[in-house]
Amino acid sequence: MWTDLLGHKIEAEFLGKSGNYVSFKKSDGSKYLMPLAKLIADDRARVLALTEEGAPHKSAGAVASSPANEPLIGVATPPALTRMATDALAGKLVTVKLGWTGYGFTPFANDGLAQTKFIAFYYSAHWCPPCRLFTPGLVAAYKVIKAAHPEFELIYVSSDKTENEMKTYMRESNMTWPGLRFGLPKTVFPIARPAHESGIPNLVFMTAEGKELATTFSKDGQYDPIRVLAEIKKYFKM
């Protein structure tokens, strides 16, 4: 029995550890991938005991030997478990564009993140006054950073009440970056956040491999999205 990212108990078979990620096989045959750092302390200790202490496991080589296109829950995993953050989002993103009947959502091309090396997730909502205060500065910074560093991308994760509110917010705020399609569960890696990070506005900066570089909610309980934006600017020397 293990604990998933949402704190739910799941019955699963430990398959192995590759780098900073751990793979499990659920009772229905599907595979579940989790960052090692996101496991609860007891589960993390069990994984380290099974791997670093050399304890044998009948499925320890399953991750390395599985085909690169074998489906995992919420993640399409390429060889060597690289680019997990961007690959996990394929087919799940949209942008707002003007069409014959007005503004609407258009699917974001699956290869749209092919060159992305750094990604920031912006958890926000139209109904949230602090979000609407923070967004203009983020939009201005994005234009400058994106122009100089095309390897950077920003993704909007909506907490809007309706799809139309999400569309209106993205259009009126001039969010030229893609957003997670409305109605999709926010449990896909790396969208999922710990329960204590559910407040908005929330900005998370990471690499395409899923390594977090800066987060709004610090380990000591501090909350500061402005600091994360400053860290992004500093990272790109802007």
C-alpha atoms as a PDB file:
ATOM      1  CA  MET A   1       0.000   0.000   0.000  1.00  0.00           C
ATOM      2  CA  TRP A   2       1.353   3.402  -1.042  1.00  0.00           C
ATOM      3  CA  THR A   3       0.191   7.044  -0.867  1.00  0.00           C
ATOM      4  CA  ASP A   4      -0.360   9.032  -4.085  1.00  0.00           C
ATOM      5  CA  LEU A   5       0.128  12.771  -4.705  1.00  0.00           C
ATOM      6  CA  LEU A   6      -3.343  13.560  -3.393  1.00  0.00           C
ATOM      7  CA  GLY A   7      -2.804  11.667  -0.157  1.00  0.00           C
ATOM      8  CA  HIS A   8      -4.950   8.699  -1.194  1.00  0.00           C
ATOM      9  CA  LYS A   9      -3.903   5.165  -0.339  1.00  0.00           C
ATOM     10  CA  ILE A  10      -3.336   3.008  -3.438  1.00  0.00           C
ATOM     11  CA  GLU A  11      -2.577  -0.686  -3.745  1.00  0.00           C
ATOM     12  CA  ALA A  12       0.326  -0.932  -6.175  1.00  0.00           C
ATOM     13  CA  GLU A  13       3.441  -2.939  -6.971  1.00  0.00           C
ATOM     14  CA  PHE A  14       6.765  -1.115  -6.779  1.00  0.00           C
ATOM     15  CA  LEU A  15       8.462  -1.390 -10.197  1.00  0.00           C
ATOM     16  CA  GLY A  16      11.654   0.553  -9.730  1.00  0.00           C
ATOM     17  CA  LYS A  17      13.434   3.878  -9.350  1.00  0.00           C
ATOM     18  CA  SER A  18      15.087   5.788 -12.175  1.00  0.00           C
ATOM     19  CA  GLY A  19      16.753   9.066 -11.282  1.00  0.00           C
ATOM     20  CA  ASN A  20      14.342  11.145  -9.220  1.00  0.00           C
ATOM     21  CA  TYR A  21      11.221   9.204 -10.221  1.00  0.00           C
ATOM     22  CA  VAL A  22       9.561   6.048  -8.944  1.00  0.00           C
ATOM     23  CA  SER A  23       7.282   3.731 -10.922  1.00  0.00           C
ATOM     24  CA  PHE A  24       4.389   1.609  -9.610  1.00  0.00           C
ATOM     25  CA  LYS A  25       1.970  -0.847 -11.178  1.00  0.00           C
ATOM     26  CA  LYS A  26      -1.622  -0.651  -9.941  1.00  0.00           C
ATOM     27  CA  SER A  27      -3.954  -3.609  -9.540  1.00  0.00           C
ATOM     28  CA  ASP A  28      -5.708  -2.780 -12.828  1.00  0.00           C
ATOM     29  CA  GLY A  29      -2.408  -3.095 -14.703  1.00  0.00           C
ATOM     30  CA  SER A  30      -1.877   0.621 -15.264  1.00  0.00           C
ATOM     31  CA  LYS A  31       1.378   2.262 -14.256  1.00  0.00           C
ATOM     32  CA  TYR A  32       1.741   5.204 -11.921  1.00  0.00           C
ATOM     33  CA  LEU A  33       4.765   7.508 -11.922  1.00  0.00           C
ATOM     34  CA  MET A  34       5.671   9.791  -9.025  1.00  0.00           C
ATOM     35  CA  PRO A  35       8.588  12.100  -8.199  1.00  0.00           C
ATOM     36  CA  LEU A  36      10.574  10.538  -5.364  1.00  0.00           C
ATOM     37  CA  ALA A  37      10.595  13.857  -3.501  1.00  0.00           C
ATOM     38  CA  LYS A  38       6.782  13.945  -3.484  1.00  0.00           C
ATOM     39  CA  LEU A  39       6.402  10.612  -1.695  1.00  0.00           C
ATOM     40  CA  ILE A  40       5.529  10.726   1.979  1.00  0.00           C
ATOM     41  CA  ALA A  41       8.489  10.084   4.267  1.00  0.00           C
ATOM     42  CA  ASP A  42       7.609   6.442   5.002  1.00  0.00           C
ATOM     43  CA  ASP A  43       7.143   5.568   1.321  1.00  0.00           C
ATOM     44  CA  ARG A  44      10.361   7.351   0.376  1.00  0.00           C
ATOM     45  CA  ALA A  45      12.258   5.358   2.997  1.00  0.00           C
ATOM     46  CA  ARG A  46      10.790   2.099   1.659  1.00  0.00           C
ATOM     47  CA  VAL A  47      11.858   2.985  -1.892  1.00  0.00           C
ATOM     48  CA  LEU A  48      15.391   3.849  -0.818  1.00  0.00           C
ATOM     49  CA  ALA A  49      15.619   0.646   1.185  1.00  0.00           C
ATOM     50  CA  LEU A  50      14.542  -1.404  -1.836  1.00  0.00           C
ATOM     51  CA  THR A  51      16.920   0.320  -4.239  1.00  0.00           C
ATOM     52  CA  GLU A  52      19.975   1.780  -2.560  1.00  0.00           C
ATOM     53  CA  GLU A  53      20.474  -1.090  -0.119  1.00  0.00           C
ATOM     54  CA  GLY A  54      20.422  -3.594  -2.965  1.00  0.00           C
ATOM     55  CA  ALA A  55      17.316  -5.468  -1.911  1.00  0.00           C
ATOM     56  CA  PRO A  56      16.181  -7.643  -4.830  1.00  0.00           C
ATOM     57  CA  HIS A  57      12.819  -7.021  -6.438  1.00  0.00           C
ATOM     58  CA  LYS A  58      11.316  -9.027  -9.216  1.00  0.00           C
ATOM     59  CA  SER A  59      10.178  -5.948 -11.143  1.00  0.00           C
ATOM     60  CA  ALA A  60      13.084  -3.615 -10.464  1.00  0.00           C
ATOM     61  CA  GLY A  61      14.076  -3.510 -14.136  1.00  0.00           C
ATOM     62  CA  ALA A  62      10.591  -2.888 -15.477  1.00  0.00           C
ATOM     63  CA  VAL A  63      11.047   0.820 -16.053  1.00  0.00           C
ATOM     64  CA  ALA A  64      14.190   0.465 -18.127  1.00  0.00           C
ATOM     65  CA  SER A  65      12.886  -2.432 -20.187  1.00  0.00           C
ATOM     66  CA  SER A  66       9.425  -1.043 -20.940  1.00  0.00           C
ATOM     67  CA  PRO A  67       8.795   0.471 -24.393  1.00  0.00           C
ATOM     68  CA  ALA A  68       9.209   4.250 -24.475  1.00  0.00           C
ATOM     69  CA  ASN A  69       5.606   4.734 -25.602  1.00  0.00           C
ATOM     70  CA  GLU A  70       4.016   2.489 -22.985  1.00  0.00           C
ATOM     71  CA  PRO A  71       1.334   4.591 -21.256  1.00  0.00           C
ATOM     72  CA  LEU A  72       1.669   5.756 -17.686  1.00  0.00           C
ATOM     73  CA  ILE A  73      -1.073   7.548 -15.790  1.00  0.00           C
ATOM     74  CA  GLY A  74      -0.931  11.208 -16.779  1.00  0.00           C
ATOM     75  CA  VAL A  75       2.543  10.875 -18.319  1.00  0.00           C
ATOM     76  CA  ALA A  76       3.895   9.885 -21.728  1.00  0.00           C
ATOM     77  CA  THR A  77       7.413   8.878 -20.752  1.00  0.00           C
ATOM     78  CA  PRO A  78      10.265   9.064 -23.269  1.00  0.00           C
ATOM     79  CA  PRO A  79      13.514   7.104 -22.803  1.00  0.00           C
ATOM     80  CA  ALA A  80      15.516   7.819 -19.635  1.00  0.00           C
ATOM     81  CA  LEU A  81      12.489   9.595 -18.082  1.00  0.00           C
ATOM     82  CA  THR A  82      13.519  12.946 -19.591  1.00  0.00           C
ATOM     83  CA  ARG A  83      11.286  15.951 -20.403  1.00  0.00           C
ATOM     84  CA  MET A  84       8.541  14.569 -18.180  1.00  0.00           C
ATOM     85  CA  ALA A  85       6.990  17.924 -17.350  1.00  0.00           C
ATOM     86  CA  THR A  86       6.435  18.939 -20.960  1.00  0.00           C
ATOM     87  CA  ASP A  87       5.580  15.515 -22.387  1.00  0.00           C
ATOM     88  CA  ALA A  88       2.906  15.007 -19.747  1.00  0.00           C
ATOM     89  CA  LEU A  89       1.009  17.991 -21.144  1.00  0.00           C
ATOM     90  CA  ALA A  90       0.697  16.801 -24.754  1.00  0.00           C
ATOM     91  CA  GLY A  91      -2.874  17.196 -25.995  1.00  0.00           C
ATOM     92  CA  LYS A  92      -4.008  18.955 -22.814  1.00  0.00           C
ATOM     93  CA  LEU A  93      -3.300  22.597 -23.678  1.00  0.00           C
ATOM     94  CA  VAL A  94      -5.256  25.338 -25.475  1.00  0.00           C
ATOM     95  CA  THR A  95      -4.767  28.941 -26.544  1.00  0.00           C
ATOM     96  CA  VAL A  96      -7.305  31.710 -27.144  1.00  0.00           C
ATOM     97  CA  LYS A  97      -7.616  32.917 -30.737  1.00  0.00           C
ATOM     98  CA  LEU A  98     -10.023  35.016 -32.767  1.00  0.00           C
ATOM     99  CA  GLY A  99     -12.146  33.011 -35.202  1.00  0.00           C
ATOM    100  CA  TRP A 100     -15.144  33.576 -37.465  1.00  0.00           C
ATOM    101  CA  THR A 101     -17.554  33.453 -34.534  1.00  0.00           C
ATOM    102  CA  GLY A 102     -15.400  35.392 -32.079  1.00  0.00           C
ATOM    103  CA  TYR A 103     -12.766  34.369 -29.595  1.00  0.00           C
ATOM    104  CA  GLY A 104     -12.481  30.698 -28.780  1.00  0.00           C
ATOM    105  CA  PHE A 105     -10.100  28.001 -27.638  1.00  0.00           C
ATOM    106  CA  THR A 106      -7.731  26.367 -30.116  1.00  0.00           C
ATOM    107  CA  PRO A 107      -5.771  23.195 -29.308  1.00  0.00           C
ATOM    108  CA  PHE A 108      -2.114  23.895 -28.623  1.00  0.00           C
ATOM    109  CA  ALA A 109       0.058  21.845 -30.988  1.00  0.00           C
ATOM    110  CA  ASN A 110       1.529  18.720 -29.386  1.00  0.00           C
ATOM    111  CA  ASP A 111       4.985  19.787 -30.548  1.00  0.00           C
ATOM    112  CA  GLY A 112       4.501  23.293 -29.184  1.00  0.00           C
ATOM    113  CA  LEU A 113       6.693  22.513 -26.181  1.00  0.00           C
ATOM    114  CA  ALA A 114       9.307  20.573 -28.158  1.00  0.00           C
ATOM    115  CA  GLN A 115      11.985  23.209 -27.627  1.00  0.00           C
ATOM    116  CA  THR A 116      10.912  24.156 -24.116  1.00  0.00           C
ATOM    117  CA  LYS A 117      13.571  23.718 -21.449  1.00  0.00           C
ATOM    118  CA  PHE A 118      11.983  25.778 -18.676  1.00  0.00           C
ATOM    119  CA  ILE A 119       8.332  26.041 -17.774  1.00  0.00           C
ATOM    120  CA  ALA A 120       6.285  28.060 -15.299  1.00  0.00           C
ATOM    121  CA  PHE A 121       2.756  27.196 -14.173  1.00  0.00           C
ATOM    122  CA  TYR A 122       0.418  30.023 -13.238  1.00  0.00           C
ATOM    123  CA  TYR A 123      -2.476  28.927 -11.019  1.00  0.00           C
ATOM    124  CA  SER A 124      -5.024  31.725 -11.111  1.00  0.00           C
ATOM    125  CA  ALA A 125      -8.664  32.693 -11.746  1.00  0.00           C
ATOM    126  CA  HIS A 126     -10.706  35.575 -13.126  1.00  0.00           C
ATOM    127  CA  TRP A 127     -12.779  35.822  -9.921  1.00  0.00           C
ATOM    128  CA  CYS A 128      -9.666  36.297  -7.749  1.00  0.00           C
ATOM    129  CA  PRO A 129      -8.829  40.007  -7.157  1.00  0.00           C
ATOM    130  CA  PRO A 130      -5.198  39.350  -6.050  1.00  0.00           C
ATOM    131  CA  CYS A 131      -4.740  37.300  -9.231  1.00  0.00           C
ATOM    132  CA  ARG A 132      -5.981  40.125 -11.432  1.00  0.00           C
ATOM    133  CA  LEU A 133      -3.535  42.462  -9.688  1.00  0.00           C
ATOM    134  CA  PHE A 134      -0.619  40.091 -10.210  1.00  0.00           C
ATOM    135  CA  THR A 135      -1.371  39.049 -13.817  1.00  0.00           C
ATOM    136  CA  PRO A 136      -0.447  42.302 -15.653  1.00  0.00           C
ATOM    137  CA  GLY A 137       3.108  42.195 -14.289  1.00  0.00           C
ATOM    138  CA  LEU A 138       3.403  38.544 -15.266  1.00  0.00           C
ATOM    139  CA  VAL A 139       2.151  39.294 -18.797  1.00  0.00           C
ATOM    140  CA  ALA A 140       4.695  42.097 -19.195  1.00  0.00           C
ATOM    141  CA  ALA A 141       7.547  39.924 -17.918  1.00  0.00           C
ATOM    142  CA  TYR A 142       6.530  37.013 -20.143  1.00  0.00           C
ATOM    143  CA  LYS A 143       6.717  39.123 -23.305  1.00  0.00           C
ATOM    144  CA  VAL A 144      10.276  40.181 -22.533  1.00  0.00           C
ATOM    145  CA  ILE A 145      11.522  36.779 -21.363  1.00  0.00           C
ATOM    146  CA  LYS A 146       9.856  34.807 -24.167  1.00  0.00           C
ATOM    147  CA  ALA A 147      11.284  37.101 -26.845  1.00  0.00           C
ATOM    148  CA  ALA A 148      14.816  36.592 -25.578  1.00  0.00           C
ATOM    149  CA  HIS A 149      14.423  32.977 -24.427  1.00  0.00           C
ATOM    150  CA  PRO A 150      12.083  30.905 -26.639  1.00  0.00           C
ATOM    151  CA  GLU A 151      13.048  27.877 -24.550  1.00  0.00           C
ATOM    152  CA  PHE A 152      10.829  29.279 -21.775  1.00  0.00           C
ATOM    153  CA  GLU A 153       7.052  28.741 -21.623  1.00  0.00           C
ATOM    154  CA  LEU A 154       4.298  29.715 -19.220  1.00  0.00           C
ATOM    155  CA  ILE A 155       1.096  27.701 -18.741  1.00  0.00           C
ATOM    156  CA  TYR A 156      -2.133  28.897 -17.166  1.00  0.00           C
ATOM    157  CA  VAL A 157      -3.861  26.474 -14.792  1.00  0.00           C
ATOM    158  CA  SER A 158      -7.382  27.778 -14.324  1.00  0.00           C
ATOM    159  CA  SER A 159      -9.460  27.857 -11.158  1.00  0.00           C
ATOM    160  CA  ASP A 160     -12.203  29.726 -13.019  1.00  0.00           C
ATOM    161  CA  LYS A 161     -15.809  28.695 -12.420  1.00  0.00           C
ATOM    162  CA  THR A 162     -16.652  28.212 -16.108  1.00  0.00           C
ATOM    163  CA  GLU A 163     -14.851  27.677 -19.396  1.00  0.00           C
ATOM    164  CA  ASN A 164     -16.117  31.039 -20.613  1.00  0.00           C
ATOM    165  CA  GLU A 165     -14.600  32.782 -17.573  1.00  0.00           C
ATOM    166  CA  MET A 166     -11.274  31.128 -18.343  1.00  0.00           C
ATOM    167  CA  LYS A 167     -11.455  32.266 -21.970  1.00  0.00           C
ATOM    168  CA  THR A 168     -12.434  35.804 -20.973  1.00  0.00           C
ATOM    169  CA  TYR A 169      -9.651  36.043 -18.402  1.00  0.00           C
ATOM    170  CA  MET A 170      -6.995  34.821 -20.831  1.00  0.00           C
ATOM    171  CA  ARG A 171      -8.210  37.156 -23.594  1.00  0.00           C
ATOM    172  CA  GLU A 172      -8.716  40.296 -21.490  1.00  0.00           C
ATOM    173  CA  SER A 173      -5.412  39.798 -19.668  1.00  0.00           C
ATOM    174  CA  ASN A 174      -3.584  39.179 -22.952  1.00  0.00           C
ATOM    175  CA  MET A 175      -2.285  35.770 -21.882  1.00  0.00           C
ATOM    176  CA  THR A 176      -0.552  34.712 -25.091  1.00  0.00           C
ATOM    177  CA  TRP A 177       0.708  31.545 -23.438  1.00  0.00           C
ATOM    178  CA  PRO A 178      -1.262  28.244 -23.432  1.00  0.00           C
ATOM    179  CA  GLY A 179      -3.551  27.039 -20.669  1.00  0.00           C
ATOM    180  CA  LEU A 180      -4.577  23.644 -19.322  1.00  0.00           C
ATOM    181  CA  ARG A 181      -7.859  22.714 -21.017  1.00  0.00           C
ATOM    182  CA  PHE A 182     -10.805  23.604 -18.786  1.00  0.00           C
ATOM    183  CA  GLY A 183     -12.327  20.696 -16.902  1.00  0.00           C
ATOM    184  CA  LEU A 184      -9.262  18.465 -16.999  1.00  0.00           C
ATOM    185  CA  PRO A 185      -8.251  17.063 -13.598  1.00  0.00           C
ATOM    186  CA  LYS A 186      -5.283  18.854 -12.109  1.00  0.00           C
ATOM    187  CA  THR A 187      -3.652  15.640 -10.969  1.00  0.00           C
ATOM    188  CA  VAL A 188      -1.405  15.150 -14.005  1.00  0.00           C
ATOM    189  CA  PHE A 189       2.277  15.576 -13.242  1.00  0.00           C
ATOM    190  CA  PRO A 190       3.507  18.296 -12.921  1.00  0.00           C
ATOM    191  CA  ILE A 191       0.189  20.154 -12.516  1.00  0.00           C
ATOM    192  CA  ALA A 192      -0.660  18.519  -9.185  1.00  0.00           C
ATOM    193  CA  ARG A 193       0.368  20.522  -6.129  1.00  0.00           C
ATOM    194  CA  PRO A 194       0.358  19.576  -2.434  1.00  0.00           C
ATOM    195  CA  ALA A 195      -2.777  20.563  -0.544  1.00  0.00           C
ATOM    196  CA  HIS A 196      -1.021  23.421   1.242  1.00  0.00           C
ATOM    197  CA  GLU A 197      -0.211  25.005  -2.147  1.00  0.00           C
ATOM    198  CA  SER A 198      -3.820  25.372  -3.290  1.00  0.00           C
ATOM    199  CA  GLY A 199      -4.002  29.156  -2.815  1.00  0.00           C
ATOM    200  CA  ILE A 200      -3.904  31.529  -5.793  1.00  0.00           C
ATOM    201  CA  PRO A 201      -2.172  33.318  -7.391  1.00  0.00           C
ATOM    202  CA  ASN A 202       0.432  30.587  -7.385  1.00  0.00           C
ATOM    203  CA  LEU A 203       3.497  30.570  -9.652  1.00  0.00           C
ATOM    204  CA  VAL A 204       5.755  27.524  -9.983  1.00  0.00           C
ATOM    205  CA  PHE A 205       8.984  27.514 -12.027  1.00  0.00           C
ATOM    206  CA  MET A 206      10.634  24.252 -13.125  1.00  0.00           C
ATOM    207  CA  THR A 207      12.700  22.548 -15.797  1.00  0.00           C
ATOM    208  CA  ALA A 208      11.259  20.428 -18.607  1.00  0.00           C
ATOM    209  CA  GLU A 209      12.364  17.391 -16.595  1.00  0.00           C
ATOM    210  CA  GLY A 210      10.174  18.469 -13.686  1.00  0.00           C
ATOM    211  CA  LYS A 211      12.844  19.821 -11.333  1.00  0.00           C
ATOM    212  CA  GLU A 212      11.356  22.700  -9.336  1.00  0.00           C
ATOM    213  CA  LEU A 213      13.451  25.867  -9.379  1.00  0.00           C
ATOM    214  CA  ALA A 214      11.162  28.258  -7.478  1.00  0.00           C
ATOM    215  CA  THR A 215       7.726  27.950  -5.855  1.00  0.00           C
ATOM    216  CA  THR A 216       5.262  30.415  -4.369  1.00  0.00           C
ATOM    217  CA  PHE A 217       4.797  28.339  -1.212  1.00  0.00           C
ATOM    218  CA  SER A 218       8.177  27.872   0.476  1.00  0.00           C
ATOM    219  CA  LYS A 219       9.017  24.983   2.776  1.00  0.00           C
ATOM    220  CA  ASP A 220       8.895  27.284   5.804  1.00  0.00           C
ATOM    221  CA  GLY A 221       5.320  28.302   5.007  1.00  0.00           C
ATOM    222  CA  GLN A 222       5.995  31.652   3.332  1.00  0.00           C
ATOM    223  CA  TYR A 223       3.743  32.703   0.425  1.00  0.00           C
ATOM    224  CA  ASP A 224       5.140  35.043  -2.230  1.00  0.00           C
ATOM    225  CA  PRO A 225       4.391  34.724  -5.990  1.00  0.00           C
ATOM    226  CA  ILE A 226       6.234  38.015  -6.609  1.00  0.00           C
ATOM    227  CA  ARG A 227       9.417  36.380  -5.354  1.00  0.00           C
ATOM    228  CA  VAL A 228       9.022  33.544  -7.866  1.00  0.00           C
ATOM    229  CA  LEU A 229       8.600  35.995 -10.742  1.00  0.00           C
ATOM    230  CA  ALA A 230      11.758  37.754  -9.558  1.00  0.00           C
ATOM    231  CA  GLU A 231      13.564  34.400  -9.490  1.00  0.00           C
ATOM    232  CA  ILE A 232      12.476  33.697 -13.084  1.00  0.00           C
ATOM    233  CA  LYS A 233      13.773  37.086 -14.225  1.00  0.00           C
ATOM    234  CA  LYS A 234      17.009  36.515 -12.346  1.00  0.00           C
ATOM    235  CA  TYR A 235      17.420  33.055 -13.880  1.00  0.00           C
ATOM    236  CA  PHE A 236      17.207  34.510 -17.380  1.00  0.00           C
ATOM    237  CA  LYS A 237      19.239  37.579 -16.401  1.00  0.00           C
ATOM    238  CA  MET A 238      16.355  39.919 -17.291  1.00  0.00           C
END
